[in-house]
PDB file of N, CA and C in Angstrom:
ATOM      1  N   UNK A   1     -11.689   3.815  40.068  1.00  0.00           N
ATOM      2  CA  UNK A   1     -10.909   2.900  39.274  1.00  0.00           C
ATOM      3  C   UNK A   1      -9.438   3.268  39.402  1.00  0.00           C
ATOM      4  N   UNK A   2      -8.622   2.278  39.584  1.00  0.00           N
ATOM      5  CA  UNK A   2      -7.197   2.557  39.797  1.00  0.00           C
ATOM      6  C   UNK A   2      -6.497   2.827  38.466  1.00  0.00           C
ATOM      7  N   UNK A   3      -5.322   3.363  38.589  1.00  0.00           N
ATOM      8  CA  UNK A   3      -4.542   3.709  37.401  1.00  0.00           C
ATOM      9  C   UNK A   3      -4.106   2.445  36.667  1.00  0.00           C
ATOM     10  N   UNK A   4      -3.762   1.385  37.411  1.00  0.00           N
ATOM     11  CA  UNK A   4      -3.327   0.143  36.773  1.00  0.00           C
ATOM     12  C   UNK A   4      -4.433  -0.477  35.938  1.00  0.00           C
ATOM     13  N   UNK A   5      -5.651  -0.473  36.456  1.00  0.00           N
ATOM     14  CA  UNK A   5      -6.745  -1.059  35.679  1.00  0.00           C
ATOM     15  C   UNK A   5      -7.089  -0.193  34.469  1.00  0.00           C
ATOM     16  N   UNK A   6      -6.993   1.126  34.612  1.00  0.00           N
ATOM     17  CA  UNK A   6      -7.241   2.029  33.478  1.00  0.00           C
ATOM     18  C   UNK A   6      -6.172   1.805  32.406  1.00  0.00           C
ATOM     19  N   UNK A   7      -4.906   1.661  32.833  1.00  0.00           N
ATOM     20  CA  UNK A   7      -3.812   1.422  31.891  1.00  0.00           C
ATOM     21  C   UNK A   7      -3.998   0.079  31.191  1.00  0.00           C
ATOM     22  N   UNK A   8      -4.453  -0.944  31.924  1.00  0.00           N
ATOM     23  CA  UNK A   8      -4.704  -2.256  31.327  1.00  0.00           C
ATOM     24  C   UNK A   8      -5.824  -2.165  30.294  1.00  0.00           C
ATOM     25  N   UNK A   9      -6.868  -1.385  30.575  1.00  0.00           N
ATOM     26  CA  UNK A   9      -7.954  -1.198  29.613  1.00  0.00           C
ATOM     27  C   UNK A   9      -7.467  -0.515  28.348  1.00  0.00           C
ATOM     28  N   UNK A  10      -6.610   0.486  28.507  1.00  0.00           N
ATOM     29  CA  UNK A  10      -6.077   1.208  27.341  1.00  0.00           C
ATOM     30  C   UNK A  10      -5.209   0.275  26.500  1.00  0.00           C
ATOM     31  N   UNK A  11      -4.352  -0.508  27.145  1.00  0.00           N
ATOM     32  CA  UNK A  11      -3.497  -1.439  26.400  1.00  0.00           C
ATOM     33  C   UNK A  11      -4.330  -2.480  25.667  1.00  0.00           C
ATOM     34  N   UNK A  12      -5.359  -3.000  26.317  1.00  0.00           N
ATOM     35  CA  UNK A  12      -6.220  -3.986  25.681  1.00  0.00           C
ATOM     36  C   UNK A  12      -6.942  -3.384  24.480  1.00  0.00           C
ATOM     37  N   UNK A  13      -7.427  -2.148  24.632  1.00  0.00           N
ATOM     38  CA  UNK A  13      -8.102  -1.467  23.533  1.00  0.00           C
ATOM     39  C   UNK A  13      -7.158  -1.283  22.347  1.00  0.00           C
ATOM     40  N   UNK A  14      -5.937  -0.821  22.626  1.00  0.00           N
ATOM     41  CA  UNK A  14      -4.972  -0.590  21.547  1.00  0.00           C
ATOM     42  C   UNK A  14      -4.545  -1.897  20.874  1.00  0.00           C
ATOM     43  N   UNK A  15      -4.358  -2.943  21.653  1.00  0.00           N
ATOM     44  CA  UNK A  15      -3.977  -4.231  21.062  1.00  0.00           C
ATOM     45  C   UNK A  15      -5.102  -4.802  20.205  1.00  0.00           C
ATOM     46  N   UNK A  16      -6.340  -4.625  20.622  1.00  0.00           N
ATOM     47  CA  UNK A  16      -7.468  -5.086  19.813  1.00  0.00           C
ATOM     48  C   UNK A  16      -7.555  -4.325  18.495  1.00  0.00           C
ATOM     49  N   UNK A  17      -7.367  -3.010  18.563  1.00  0.00           N
ATOM     50  CA  UNK A  17      -7.390  -2.204  17.330  1.00  0.00           C
ATOM     51  C   UNK A  17      -6.226  -2.591  16.421  1.00  0.00           C
ATOM     52  N   UNK A  18      -5.033  -2.783  17.005  1.00  0.00           N
ATOM     53  CA  UNK A  18      -3.864  -3.165  16.225  1.00  0.00           C
ATOM     54  C   UNK A  18      -4.102  -4.492  15.514  1.00  0.00           C
ATOM     55  N   UNK A  19      -4.662  -5.453  16.233  1.00  0.00           N
ATOM     56  CA  UNK A  19      -4.931  -6.763  15.655  1.00  0.00           C
ATOM     57  C   UNK A  19      -5.933  -6.654  14.513  1.00  0.00           C
ATOM     58  N   UNK A  20      -6.969  -5.867  14.725  1.00  0.00           N
ATOM     59  CA  UNK A  20      -8.010  -5.698  13.702  1.00  0.00           C
ATOM     60  C   UNK A  20      -7.431  -5.065  12.437  1.00  0.00           C
ATOM     61  N   UNK A  21      -6.684  -3.976  12.597  1.00  0.00           N
ATOM     62  CA  UNK A  21      -6.171  -3.269  11.429  1.00  0.00           C
ATOM     63  C   UNK A  21      -5.032  -4.024  10.750  1.00  0.00           C
ATOM     64  N   UNK A  22      -4.214  -4.737  11.500  1.00  0.00           N
ATOM     65  CA  UNK A  22      -3.139  -5.491  10.867  1.00  0.00           C
ATOM     66  C   UNK A  22      -3.711  -6.665  10.065  1.00  0.00           C
ATOM     67  N   UNK A  23      -4.760  -7.310  10.584  1.00  0.00           N
ATOM     68  CA  UNK A  23      -5.411  -8.379   9.830  1.00  0.00           C
ATOM     69  C   UNK A  23      -6.035  -7.824   8.564  1.00  0.00           C
ATOM     70  N   UNK A  24      -6.692  -6.670   8.674  1.00  0.00           N
ATOM     71  CA  UNK A  24      -7.313  -6.043   7.505  1.00  0.00           C
ATOM     72  C   UNK A  24      -6.246  -5.670   6.475  1.00  0.00           C
ATOM     73  N   UNK A  25      -5.118  -5.123   6.932  1.00  0.00           N
ATOM     74  CA  UNK A  25      -4.054  -4.714   6.008  1.00  0.00           C
ATOM     75  C   UNK A  25      -3.445  -5.924   5.303  1.00  0.00           C
ATOM     76  N   UNK A  26      -3.254  -7.027   6.028  1.00  0.00           N
ATOM     77  CA  UNK A  26      -2.697  -8.232   5.405  1.00  0.00           C
ATOM     78  C   UNK A  26      -3.630  -8.764   4.323  1.00  0.00           C
ATOM     79  N   UNK A  27      -4.927  -8.804   4.609  1.00  0.00           N
ATOM     80  CA  UNK A  27      -5.883  -9.284   3.612  1.00  0.00           C
ATOM     81  C   UNK A  27      -5.952  -8.349   2.414  1.00  0.00           C
ATOM     82  N   UNK A  28      -5.890  -7.034   2.674  1.00  0.00           N
ATOM     83  CA  UNK A  28      -5.927  -6.048   1.599  1.00  0.00           C
ATOM     84  C   UNK A  28      -4.709  -6.200   0.688  1.00  0.00           C
ATOM     85  N   UNK A  29      -3.533  -6.348   1.275  1.00  0.00           N
ATOM     86  CA  UNK A  29      -2.316  -6.505   0.472  1.00  0.00           C
ATOM     87  C   UNK A  29      -2.316  -7.819  -0.300  1.00  0.00           C
ATOM     88  N   UNK A  30      -2.852  -8.874   0.312  1.00  0.00           N
ATOM     89  CA  UNK A  30      -2.939 -10.159  -0.380  1.00  0.00           C
ATOM     90  C   UNK A  30      -3.847 -10.052  -1.601  1.00  0.00           C
ATOM     91  N   UNK A  31      -5.015  -9.426  -1.434  1.00  0.00           N
ATOM     92  CA  UNK A  31      -5.927  -9.254  -2.556  1.00  0.00           C
ATOM     93  C   UNK A  31      -5.344  -8.334  -3.619  1.00  0.00           C
ATOM     94  N   UNK A  32      -4.672  -7.266  -3.185  1.00  0.00           N
ATOM     95  CA  UNK A  32      -4.095  -6.320  -4.132  1.00  0.00           C
ATOM     96  C   UNK A  32      -2.991  -6.968  -4.951  1.00  0.00           C
ATOM     97  N   UNK A  33      -2.118  -7.741  -4.319  1.00  0.00           N
ATOM     98  CA  UNK A  33      -1.053  -8.398  -5.076  1.00  0.00           C
ATOM     99  C   UNK A  33      -1.621  -9.447  -6.025  1.00  0.00           C
ATOM    100  N   UNK A  34      -2.691 -10.093  -5.624  1.00  0.00           N
ATOM    101  CA  UNK A  34      -3.335 -11.063  -6.532  1.00  0.00           C
ATOM    102  C   UNK A  34      -3.914 -10.348  -7.742  1.00  0.00           C
ATOM    103  N   UNK A  35      -4.582  -9.204  -7.519  1.00  0.00           N
ATOM    104  CA  UNK A  35      -5.176  -8.459  -8.624  1.00  0.00           C
ATOM    105  C   UNK A  35      -4.120  -7.838  -9.520  1.00  0.00           C
ATOM    106  N   UNK A  36      -2.979  -7.470  -8.975  1.00  0.00           N
ATOM    107  CA  UNK A  36      -1.927  -6.867  -9.795  1.00  0.00           C
ATOM    108  C   UNK A  36      -1.290  -7.871 -10.744  1.00  0.00           C
ATOM    109  N   UNK A  37      -1.342  -9.152 -10.397  1.00  0.00           N
ATOM    110  CA  UNK A  37      -0.750 -10.175 -11.255  1.00  0.00           C
ATOM    111  C   UNK A  37      -1.588 -10.448 -12.495  1.00  0.00           C
ATOM    112  N   UNK A  38      -2.834  -9.997 -12.504  1.00  0.00           N
ATOM    113  CA  UNK A  38      -3.697 -10.174 -13.668  1.00  0.00           C
ATOM    114  C   UNK A  38      -3.258  -9.171 -14.733  1.00  0.00           C
ATOM    115  N   UNK A  39      -2.934  -9.656 -15.919  1.00  0.00           N
ATOM    116  CA  UNK A  39      -2.368  -8.788 -16.959  1.00  0.00           C
ATOM    117  C   UNK A  39      -3.355  -7.750 -17.480  1.00  0.00           C
ATOM    118  N   UNK A  40      -4.636  -8.078 -17.526  1.00  0.00           N
ATOM    119  CA  UNK A  40      -5.607  -7.175 -18.127  1.00  0.00           C
ATOM    120  C   UNK A  40      -6.082  -6.088 -17.180  1.00  0.00           C
ATOM    121  N   UNK A  41      -5.525  -6.008 -16.000  1.00  0.00           N
ATOM    122  CA  UNK A  41      -6.004  -5.077 -14.989  1.00  0.00           C
ATOM    123  C   UNK A  41      -5.187  -3.786 -15.024  1.00  0.00           C
ATOM    124  N   UNK A  42      -5.276  -3.039 -16.115  1.00  0.00           N
ATOM    125  CA  UNK A  42      -4.498  -1.818 -16.291  1.00  0.00           C
ATOM    126  C   UNK A  42      -4.949  -0.678 -15.413  1.00  0.00           C
ATOM    127  N   UNK A  43      -6.242  -0.579 -15.140  1.00  0.00           N
ATOM    128  CA  UNK A  43      -6.738   0.506 -14.301  1.00  0.00           C
ATOM    129  C   UNK A  43      -6.211   0.397 -12.876  1.00  0.00           C
ATOM    130  N   UNK A  44      -6.166  -0.810 -12.350  1.00  0.00           N
ATOM    131  CA  UNK A  44      -5.655  -0.998 -10.997  1.00  0.00           C
ATOM    132  C   UNK A  44      -4.175  -0.678 -10.935  1.00  0.00           C
ATOM    133  N   UNK A  45      -3.433  -1.076 -11.964  1.00  0.00           N
ATOM    134  CA  UNK A  45      -2.000  -0.763 -11.982  1.00  0.00           C
ATOM    135  C   UNK A  45      -1.770   0.747 -12.055  1.00  0.00           C
ATOM    136  N   UNK A  46      -2.597   1.442 -12.824  1.00  0.00           N
ATOM    137  CA  UNK A  46      -2.476   2.894 -12.903  1.00  0.00           C
ATOM    138  C   UNK A  46      -2.805   3.522 -11.553  1.00  0.00           C
ATOM    139  N   UNK A  47      -3.850   3.039 -10.888  1.00  0.00           N
ATOM    140  CA  UNK A  47      -4.216   3.560  -9.571  1.00  0.00           C
ATOM    141  C   UNK A  47      -3.091   3.340  -8.564  1.00  0.00           C
ATOM    142  N   UNK A  48      -2.499   2.148  -8.568  1.00  0.00           N
ATOM    143  CA  UNK A  48      -1.401   1.856  -7.638  1.00  0.00           C
ATOM    144  C   UNK A  48      -0.208   2.746  -7.942  1.00  0.00           C
ATOM    145  N   UNK A  49       0.091   2.953  -9.227  1.00  0.00           N
ATOM    146  CA  UNK A  49       1.198   3.833  -9.591  1.00  0.00           C
ATOM    147  C   UNK A  49       0.957   5.248  -9.074  1.00  0.00           C
ATOM    148  N   UNK A  50      -0.235   5.789  -9.299  1.00  0.00           N
ATOM    149  CA  UNK A  50      -0.541   7.153  -8.851  1.00  0.00           C
ATOM    150  C   UNK A  50      -0.471   7.229  -7.326  1.00  0.00           C
ATOM    151  N   UNK A  51      -1.001   6.224  -6.647  1.00  0.00           N
ATOM    152  CA  UNK A  51      -0.970   6.211  -5.186  1.00  0.00           C
ATOM    153  C   UNK A  51       0.466   6.189  -4.661  1.00  0.00           C
ATOM    154  N   UNK A  52       1.301   5.325  -5.237  1.00  0.00           N
ATOM    155  CA  UNK A  52       2.701   5.230  -4.800  1.00  0.00           C
ATOM    156  C   UNK A  52       3.448   6.530  -5.116  1.00  0.00           C
ATOM    157  N   UNK A  53       3.194   7.093  -6.278  1.00  0.00           N
ATOM    158  CA  UNK A  53       3.852   8.350  -6.648  1.00  0.00           C
ATOM    159  C   UNK A  53       3.473   9.462  -5.681  1.00  0.00           C
ATOM    160  N   UNK A  54       2.177   9.567  -5.374  1.00  0.00           N
ATOM    161  CA  UNK A  54       1.735  10.598  -4.439  1.00  0.00           C
ATOM    162  C   UNK A  54       2.263  10.340  -3.031  1.00  0.00           C
ATOM    163  N   UNK A  55       2.308   9.082  -2.615  1.00  0.00           N
ATOM    164  CA  UNK A  55       2.821   8.763  -1.280  1.00  0.00           C
ATOM    165  C   UNK A  55       4.285   9.168  -1.166  1.00  0.00           C
ATOM    166  N   UNK A  56       5.088   8.860  -2.179  1.00  0.00           N
ATOM    167  CA  UNK A  56       6.494   9.267  -2.149  1.00  0.00           C
ATOM    168  C   UNK A  56       6.616  10.787  -2.175  1.00  0.00           C
ATOM    169  N   UNK A  57       5.752  11.459  -2.936  1.00  0.00           N
ATOM    170  CA  UNK A  57       5.821  12.911  -3.022  1.00  0.00           C
ATOM    171  C   UNK A  57       5.435  13.572  -1.703  1.00  0.00           C
ATOM    172  N   UNK A  58       4.452  13.007  -1.020  1.00  0.00           N
ATOM    173  CA  UNK A  58       3.995  13.593   0.242  1.00  0.00           C
ATOM    174  C   UNK A  58       5.082  13.526   1.311  1.00  0.00           C
ATOM    175  N   UNK A  59       5.814  12.421   1.357  1.00  0.00           N
ATOM    176  CA  UNK A  59       6.860  12.301   2.375  1.00  0.00           C
ATOM    177  C   UNK A  59       8.172  12.955   1.951  1.00  0.00           C
ATOM    178  N   UNK A  60       8.218  13.500   0.753  1.00  0.00           N
ATOM    179  CA  UNK A  60       9.401  14.230   0.312  1.00  0.00           C
ATOM    180  C   UNK A  60      10.425  13.384  -0.397  1.00  0.00           C
ATOM    181  N   UNK A  61      10.077  12.161  -0.773  1.00  0.00           N
ATOM    182  CA  UNK A  61      11.014  11.281  -1.478  1.00  0.00           C
ATOM    183  C   UNK A  61      10.786  11.440  -2.983  1.00  0.00           C
ATOM    184  N   UNK A  62      11.147  12.606  -3.477  1.00  0.00           N
ATOM    185  CA  UNK A  62      10.866  12.918  -4.871  1.00  0.00           C
ATOM    186  C   UNK A  62      11.661  12.044  -5.839  1.00  0.00           C
ATOM    187  N   UNK A  63      12.870  11.670  -5.473  1.00  0.00           N
ATOM    188  CA  UNK A  63      13.668  10.820  -6.349  1.00  0.00           C
ATOM    189  C   UNK A  63      13.003   9.454  -6.523  1.00  0.00           C
ATOM    190  N   UNK A  64      12.482   8.904  -5.422  1.00  0.00           N
ATOM    191  CA  UNK A  64      11.789   7.623  -5.525  1.00  0.00           C
ATOM    192  C   UNK A  64      10.490   7.765  -6.319  1.00  0.00           C
ATOM    193  N   UNK A  65       9.825   8.899  -6.194  1.00  0.00           N
ATOM    194  CA  UNK A  65       8.609   9.134  -6.965  1.00  0.00           C
ATOM    195  C   UNK A  65       8.934   9.155  -8.459  1.00  0.00           C
ATOM    196  N   UNK A  66       9.989   9.853  -8.820  1.00  0.00           N
ATOM    197  CA  UNK A  66      10.380   9.912 -10.230  1.00  0.00           C
ATOM    198  C   UNK A  66      10.884   8.556 -10.722  1.00  0.00           C
ATOM    199  N   UNK A  67      11.566   7.815  -9.867  1.00  0.00           N
ATOM    200  CA  UNK A  67      11.994   6.466 -10.229  1.00  0.00           C
ATOM    201  C   UNK A  67      10.784   5.571 -10.476  1.00  0.00           C
ATOM    202  N   UNK A  68       9.759   5.709  -9.660  1.00  0.00           N
ATOM    203  CA  UNK A  68       8.519   4.954  -9.856  1.00  0.00           C
ATOM    204  C   UNK A  68       7.899   5.300 -11.206  1.00  0.00           C
ATOM    205  N   UNK A  69       7.863   6.585 -11.537  1.00  0.00           N
ATOM    206  CA  UNK A  69       7.311   7.006 -12.827  1.00  0.00           C
ATOM    207  C   UNK A  69       8.134   6.449 -13.982  1.00  0.00           C
ATOM    208  N   UNK A  70       9.441   6.495 -13.858  1.00  0.00           N
ATOM    209  CA  UNK A  70      10.303   5.964 -14.906  1.00  0.00           C
ATOM    210  C   UNK A  70      10.067   4.472 -15.107  1.00  0.00           C
ATOM    211  N   UNK A  71      10.003   3.717 -14.003  1.00  0.00           N
ATOM    212  CA  UNK A  71       9.781   2.273 -14.114  1.00  0.00           C
ATOM    213  C   UNK A  71       8.401   1.957 -14.689  1.00  0.00           C
ATOM    214  N   UNK A  72       7.411   2.770 -14.344  1.00  0.00           N
ATOM    215  CA  UNK A  72       6.074   2.556 -14.893  1.00  0.00           C
ATOM    216  C   UNK A  72       6.066   2.807 -16.404  1.00  0.00           C
ATOM    217  N   UNK A  73       6.758   3.842 -16.849  1.00  0.00           N
ATOM    218  CA  UNK A  73       6.824   4.136 -18.287  1.00  0.00           C
ATOM    219  C   UNK A  73       7.577   3.029 -19.017  1.00  0.00           C
ATOM    220  N   UNK A  74       8.663   2.549 -18.437  1.00  0.00           N
ATOM    221  CA  UNK A  74       9.411   1.443 -19.050  1.00  0.00           C
ATOM    222  C   UNK A  74       8.525   0.207 -19.135  1.00  0.00           C
ATOM    223  N   UNK A  75       7.779  -0.069 -18.083  1.00  0.00           N
ATOM    224  CA  UNK A  75       6.878  -1.225 -18.093  1.00  0.00           C
ATOM    225  C   UNK A  75       5.815  -1.078 -19.191  1.00  0.00           C
ATOM    226  N   UNK A  76       5.268   0.128 -19.351  1.00  0.00           N
ATOM    227  CA  UNK A  76       4.272   0.341 -20.403  1.00  0.00           C
ATOM    228  C   UNK A  76       4.878   0.164 -21.791  1.00  0.00           C
ATOM    229  N   UNK A  77       6.096   0.666 -21.997  1.00  0.00           N
ATOM    230  CA  UNK A  77       6.747   0.498 -23.294  1.00  0.00           C
ATOM    231  C   UNK A  77       7.047  -0.964 -23.596  1.00  0.00           C
ATOM    232  N   UNK A  78       7.512  -1.710 -22.588  1.00  0.00           N
ATOM    233  CA  UNK A  78       7.774  -3.126 -22.798  1.00  0.00           C
ATOM    234  C   UNK A  78       6.471  -3.877 -23.096  1.00  0.00           C
ATOM    235  N   UNK A  79       5.417  -3.495 -22.443  1.00  0.00           N
ATOM    236  CA  UNK A  79       4.123  -4.147 -22.671  1.00  0.00           C
ATOM    237  C   UNK A  79       3.617  -3.874 -24.089  1.00  0.00           C
ATOM    238  N   UNK A  80       3.837  -2.650 -24.560  1.00  0.00           N
ATOM    239  CA  UNK A  80       3.370  -2.282 -25.895  1.00  0.00           C
ATOM    240  C   UNK A  80       4.139  -3.026 -26.969  1.00  0.00           C
ATOM    241  N   UNK A  81       5.436  -3.217 -26.758  1.00  0.00           N
ATOM    242  CA  UNK A  81       6.266  -3.875 -27.768  1.00  0.00           C
ATOM    243  C   UNK A  81       6.358  -5.375 -27.591  1.00  0.00           C
ATOM    244  N   UNK A  82       5.676  -5.912 -26.591  1.00  0.00           N
ATOM    245  CA  UNK A  82       5.579  -7.356 -26.439  1.00  0.00           C
ATOM    246  C   UNK A  82       6.778  -8.034 -25.819  1.00  0.00           C
ATOM    247  N   UNK A  83       7.612  -7.323 -25.132  1.00  0.00           N
ATOM    248  CA  UNK A  83       8.798  -7.942 -24.494  1.00  0.00           C
ATOM    249  C   UNK A  83       8.458  -8.416 -23.123  1.00  0.00           C
TER     250      UNK A  83
END
């Protein structure tokens, strides 16, 4: 098998995987944003907050992680007081 055909097979494999995962990610984000708009879904909002906080912490963006926590606390306080 020649190098060109092997390279074409690798590119086709990678493009197929990219297409599959990008479609899955788009559907996942669409469903997640729909579920986040539901007011009674507090557990999902808490999970998303923890996930975002940990993601920012893992990459070293501690200021953004703390900003996320601050905004989440403000959102909870506004929700409690009905604003």
